[in-house]
């Protein structure tokens, strides 16, 4: 990169120095140059119930592109609370065995320490962080369950 700082390469040096300006300008100008054209008689594609989408059509119902497509939901949830529940279940399914293995590892560290104060300090720290992680997992589950129960109670009364 030292050769770029030469007087001979000063333009290249300035381009590298202010490259973020070029990237931002390109990002802002590009949508204006691509696809921002209105086709006479064109009606934008619409979604039906959030499940499917059809190709863009003209006012007489003919497809411009001739392509019909359907967008399917790959995660099989329709609401945000269901999505949060799904993510939390995945995190708990993966996290609980990791916590169990970490506690076993901490026990191994205590046995391996054999009275060495420095190794005992390391083992105590590892156990403390493992327990903090377990409480974070438990707290996330309790919080999500409490919020879900509150929302369910509110929706039942209204």
Protein backbone atom coordinates (compact mmCIF):
# COMPACT_ATOMS: atom_id res chain seq x y z
CA UNK A 1 0.00 0.00 0.00
CA UNK A 2 3.01 2.29 0.32
CA UNK A 3 3.28 2.63 -3.46
CA UNK A 4 -0.19 4.22 -3.54
CA UNK A 5 1.01 7.13 -1.38
CA UNK A 6 3.44 8.13 -4.14
CA UNK A 7 2.69 11.39 -5.93
CA UNK A 8 2.21 9.38 -9.10
CA UNK A 9 -0.76 7.51 -7.58
CA UNK A 10 -2.44 10.41 -5.73
CA UNK A 11 -5.79 9.91 -7.54
CA UNK A 12 -5.89 6.25 -6.53
CA UNK A 13 -4.95 7.25 -2.99
CA UNK A 14 -7.87 9.71 -2.82
CA UNK A 15 -10.27 7.11 -4.19
CA UNK A 16 -9.21 4.63 -1.52
CA UNK A 17 -9.37 7.29 1.18
CA UNK A 18 -12.92 8.37 0.27
CA UNK A 19 -14.25 5.07 -1.03
CA UNK A 20 -17.13 5.07 1.44
CA UNK A 21 -18.48 8.23 -0.25
CA UNK A 22 -18.46 6.44 -3.60
CA UNK A 23 -20.24 3.41 -2.10
CA UNK A 24 -22.94 5.54 -0.48
CA UNK A 25 -23.43 7.63 -3.62
CA UNK A 26 -23.66 4.50 -5.75
CA UNK A 27 -26.17 2.97 -3.33
CA UNK A 28 -28.36 6.06 -3.45
CA UNK A 29 -28.21 6.63 -7.22
CA UNK A 30 -28.51 3.02 -8.39
CA UNK A 31 -32.26 2.63 -7.68
CA UNK A 32 -32.90 5.70 -9.79
CA UNK A 33 -31.17 4.13 -12.78
CA UNK A 34 -32.67 0.63 -12.50
CA UNK A 35 -36.29 -0.36 -12.63
CA UNK A 36 -37.90 2.94 -11.76
CA UNK A 37 -39.89 2.98 -14.99
CA UNK A 38 -43.67 3.07 -15.22
CA UNK A 39 -45.11 0.86 -17.95
CA UNK A 40 -48.38 2.27 -19.32
CA UNK A 41 -51.29 0.01 -18.41
CA UNK A 42 -49.24 -1.78 -15.74
CA UNK A 43 -50.78 -2.62 -12.37
CA UNK A 44 -48.45 -3.59 -9.54
CA UNK A 45 -48.54 -7.15 -8.24
CA UNK A 46 -50.55 -7.69 -5.06
CA UNK A 47 -50.55 -10.30 -2.35
CA UNK A 48 -53.59 -12.34 -1.50
CA UNK A 49 -53.88 -12.96 2.21
CA UNK A 50 -50.13 -12.68 2.62
CA UNK A 51 -49.68 -16.18 1.19
CA UNK A 52 -49.18 -15.83 -2.54
CA UNK A 53 -48.14 -13.32 -5.13
CA UNK A 54 -48.84 -13.33 -8.83
CA UNK A 55 -46.85 -11.83 -11.67
CA UNK A 56 -47.40 -8.23 -12.67
CA UNK A 57 -50.39 -7.85 -14.94
CA UNK A 58 -51.71 -5.26 -17.32
CA UNK A 59 -55.15 -3.69 -16.94
CA UNK A 60 -56.65 -6.31 -19.27
CA UNK A 61 -55.43 -9.15 -16.98
CA UNK A 62 -52.55 -10.46 -19.11
CA UNK A 63 -49.24 -11.23 -17.47
CA UNK A 64 -46.33 -9.04 -18.55
CA UNK A 65 -43.66 -11.56 -17.61
CA UNK A 66 -45.66 -14.75 -18.02
CA UNK A 67 -44.37 -16.02 -14.68
CA UNK A 68 -46.69 -16.92 -11.81
CA UNK A 69 -45.13 -17.65 -8.44
CA UNK A 70 -46.15 -18.37 -4.88
CA UNK A 71 -44.31 -17.30 -1.76
CA UNK A 72 -44.51 -19.90 0.99
CA UNK A 73 -43.63 -19.40 4.63
CA UNK A 74 -40.64 -21.70 5.35
CA UNK A 75 -40.86 -21.51 9.16
CA UNK A 76 -44.56 -22.44 9.43
CA UNK A 77 -45.50 -19.67 11.89
CA UNK A 78 -47.95 -16.88 11.19
CA UNK A 79 -47.56 -14.56 14.18
CA UNK A 80 -44.68 -12.95 16.05
CA UNK A 81 -45.48 -14.71 19.37
CA UNK A 82 -45.35 -18.07 17.59
CA UNK A 83 -42.00 -17.10 16.05
CA UNK A 84 -40.60 -16.06 19.44
CA UNK A 85 -41.81 -19.34 20.94
CA UNK A 86 -40.15 -21.29 18.11
CA UNK A 87 -36.83 -19.46 18.52
CA UNK A 88 -36.94 -19.87 22.31
CA UNK A 89 -37.63 -23.59 22.01
CA UNK A 90 -34.66 -23.99 19.65
CA UNK A 91 -32.38 -22.01 21.97
CA UNK A 92 -33.49 -24.05 24.99
CA UNK A 93 -33.14 -27.33 23.12
CA UNK A 94 -29.55 -26.47 22.25
CA UNK A 95 -28.67 -24.49 25.40
CA UNK A 96 -29.73 -26.91 28.14
CA UNK A 97 -27.41 -29.74 27.01
CA UNK A 98 -24.58 -27.23 26.60
CA UNK A 99 -25.13 -26.02 30.19
CA UNK A 100 -25.10 -29.62 31.43
CA UNK A 101 -21.84 -30.31 29.58
CA UNK A 102 -20.34 -27.07 30.90
CA UNK A 103 -21.19 -28.06 34.49
CA UNK A 104 -19.55 -31.44 33.93
CA UNK A 105 -16.49 -29.68 32.50
CA UNK A 106 -16.36 -27.38 35.54
CA UNK A 107 -16.42 -30.46 37.79
CA UNK A 108 -13.50 -31.84 35.78
CA UNK A 109 -11.64 -28.55 36.29
CA UNK A 110 -12.19 -28.77 40.07
CA UNK A 111 -10.88 -32.34 40.17
CA UNK A 112 -7.93 -31.44 37.94
CA UNK A 113 -7.02 -28.46 40.16
CA UNK A 114 -6.00 -30.75 43.09
CA UNK A 115 -5.64 -27.85 45.50
CA UNK A 116 -3.76 -25.54 43.11
CA UNK A 117 -5.14 -22.09 43.96
CA UNK A 118 -4.75 -20.71 40.43
CA UNK A 119 -6.53 -23.68 38.85
CA UNK A 120 -9.27 -23.52 41.52
CA UNK A 121 -9.78 -19.85 40.70
CA UNK A 122 -10.18 -20.74 37.01
CA UNK A 123 -12.63 -23.54 37.85
CA UNK A 124 -14.71 -21.26 40.10
CA UNK A 125 -14.85 -18.63 37.36
CA UNK A 126 -15.93 -21.20 34.78
CA UNK A 127 -18.66 -22.51 37.12
CA UNK A 128 -19.85 -18.98 37.84
CA UNK A 129 -20.18 -18.16 34.14
CA UNK A 130 -21.90 -21.47 33.48
CA UNK A 131 -24.47 -20.75 36.18
CA UNK A 132 -24.97 -17.22 34.83
CA UNK A 133 -25.61 -18.69 31.39
CA UNK A 134 -28.09 -21.20 32.84
CA UNK A 135 -29.93 -18.39 34.62
CA UNK A 136 -30.05 -16.39 31.39
CA UNK A 137 -31.65 -19.34 29.60
CA UNK A 138 -34.09 -19.88 32.45
CA UNK A 139 -34.85 -16.15 32.66
CA UNK A 140 -35.56 -15.92 28.94
CA UNK A 141 -38.00 -18.82 29.18
CA UNK A 142 -39.73 -17.39 32.30
CA UNK A 143 -39.99 -13.93 30.76
CA UNK A 144 -41.38 -15.22 27.47
CA UNK A 145 -43.87 -17.46 29.27
CA UNK A 146 -45.04 -14.62 31.53
CA UNK A 147 -45.47 -12.21 28.61
CA UNK A 148 -47.34 -14.83 26.59
CA UNK A 149 -49.69 -15.57 29.52
CA UNK A 150 -50.35 -11.84 29.99
CA UNK A 151 -51.10 -11.35 26.31
CA UNK A 152 -53.40 -14.38 26.32
CA UNK A 153 -55.29 -13.02 29.35
CA UNK A 154 -55.68 -9.61 27.71
CA UNK A 155 -56.96 -11.06 24.46
CA UNK A 156 -59.45 -13.33 26.29
CA UNK A 157 -60.98 -10.41 28.22
CA UNK A 158 -61.41 -8.15 25.20
